[in-house]
Amino acid sequence: MPHTLVALLPAVPALIGCDTKSKVSTRHAAFKVAEQGGSELIKDFGKLQLTSDMEHKAEKFLANAIGGFKFDTMDKIRCF
């Protein structure tokens, strides 16, 4: 596993949820997004103080993991 993906291991489960409880996406989908350039969106998630910019980037990451790269917000997924 590339170093980039290893660095995201703490953030991905925190964002997508747990396999035994409610979740919004799969780890496979999240890592696929990360491999295709989405890792920049959550590189600081869980490492620095959360800012509104980090929230928006995390939302975009999740929207990409759920609906592919067609969406950038959860609102757009709900309306689709």
Protein backbone atom coordinates (compact mmCIF):
# COMPACT_ATOMS: atom_id res chain seq x y z
CA MET A 1 0.00 0.00 0.00
CA PRO A 2 1.51 3.34 -0.98
CA HIS A 3 2.64 5.70 1.76
CA THR A 4 -0.15 8.13 0.86
CA LEU A 5 -2.86 5.60 1.65
CA VAL A 6 -1.20 4.51 4.87
CA ALA A 7 -1.27 8.12 6.07
CA LEU A 8 -5.05 8.16 5.50
CA LEU A 9 -5.81 5.05 7.55
CA PRO A 10 -6.92 6.97 10.68
CA ALA A 11 -9.11 9.41 8.74
CA VAL A 12 -11.00 7.01 6.45
CA PRO A 13 -12.82 4.95 9.14
CA ALA A 14 -13.58 8.14 11.07
CA LEU A 15 -15.27 9.63 8.01
CA ILE A 16 -17.04 6.68 6.42
CA GLY A 17 -18.15 4.88 9.56
CA CYS A 18 -17.80 1.40 10.96
CA ASP A 19 -18.56 -1.92 9.26
CA THR A 20 -20.67 -3.10 12.19
CA LYS A 21 -22.63 0.12 12.62
CA SER A 22 -23.97 2.81 10.36
CA LYS A 23 -21.69 3.86 7.49
CA VAL A 24 -21.95 6.12 4.47
CA SER A 25 -19.55 4.33 2.13
CA THR A 26 -17.09 1.47 1.92
CA ARG A 27 -13.38 1.54 2.63
CA HIS A 28 -12.75 0.24 -0.86
CA ALA A 29 -14.59 3.22 -2.40
CA ALA A 30 -12.82 5.66 -0.07
CA PHE A 31 -9.37 4.30 -0.90
CA LYS A 32 -10.26 4.32 -4.61
CA VAL A 33 -11.05 8.04 -4.32
CA ALA A 34 -7.80 8.56 -2.41
CA GLU A 35 -5.80 6.77 -5.11
CA GLN A 36 -7.36 8.97 -7.78
CA GLY A 37 -6.21 12.20 -6.15
CA GLY A 38 -8.73 12.59 -3.34
CA SER A 39 -6.12 12.00 -0.65
CA GLU A 40 -5.29 15.71 -0.75
CA LEU A 41 -8.81 16.44 0.51
CA ILE A 42 -8.34 14.66 3.84
CA LYS A 43 -4.56 14.69 4.34
CA ASP A 44 -4.85 16.89 7.47
CA PHE A 45 -8.06 15.38 8.84
CA GLY A 46 -7.51 14.25 12.43
CA LYS A 47 -4.02 15.75 12.54
CA LEU A 48 -4.81 19.45 12.82
CA GLN A 49 -7.54 21.50 14.47
CA LEU A 50 -10.70 21.10 12.37
CA THR A 51 -11.50 24.14 10.24
CA SER A 52 -14.47 24.87 8.00
CA ASP A 53 -12.23 24.36 4.96
CA MET A 54 -11.29 20.89 6.23
CA GLU A 55 -14.99 20.12 6.77
CA HIS A 56 -15.80 21.07 3.18
CA LYS A 57 -12.93 18.98 1.86
CA ALA A 58 -14.00 15.98 3.97
CA GLU A 59 -17.57 16.37 2.65
CA LYS A 60 -16.25 16.44 -0.91
CA PHE A 61 -14.19 13.30 -0.20
CA LEU A 62 -17.27 11.49 1.14
CA ALA A 63 -19.43 12.65 -1.75
CA ASN A 64 -16.82 11.30 -4.16
CA ALA A 65 -16.70 7.98 -2.29
CA ILE A 66 -20.49 7.64 -2.44
CA GLY A 67 -21.32 8.97 -5.88
CA GLY A 68 -18.08 9.02 -7.77
CA PHE A 69 -16.53 12.26 -8.91
CA LYS A 70 -19.89 13.63 -10.12
CA PHE A 71 -20.74 15.26 -6.79
CA ASP A 72 -18.93 17.59 -4.44
CA THR A 73 -21.49 17.97 -1.63
CA MET A 74 -23.87 15.66 0.19
CA ASP A 75 -26.76 18.01 -0.72
CA LYS A 76 -26.16 17.32 -4.42
CA ILE A 77 -26.26 13.56 -3.74
CA ARG A 78 -29.55 13.91 -1.85
CA CYS A 79 -31.09 15.85 -4.73
CA PHE A 80 -29.90 13.37 -7.34
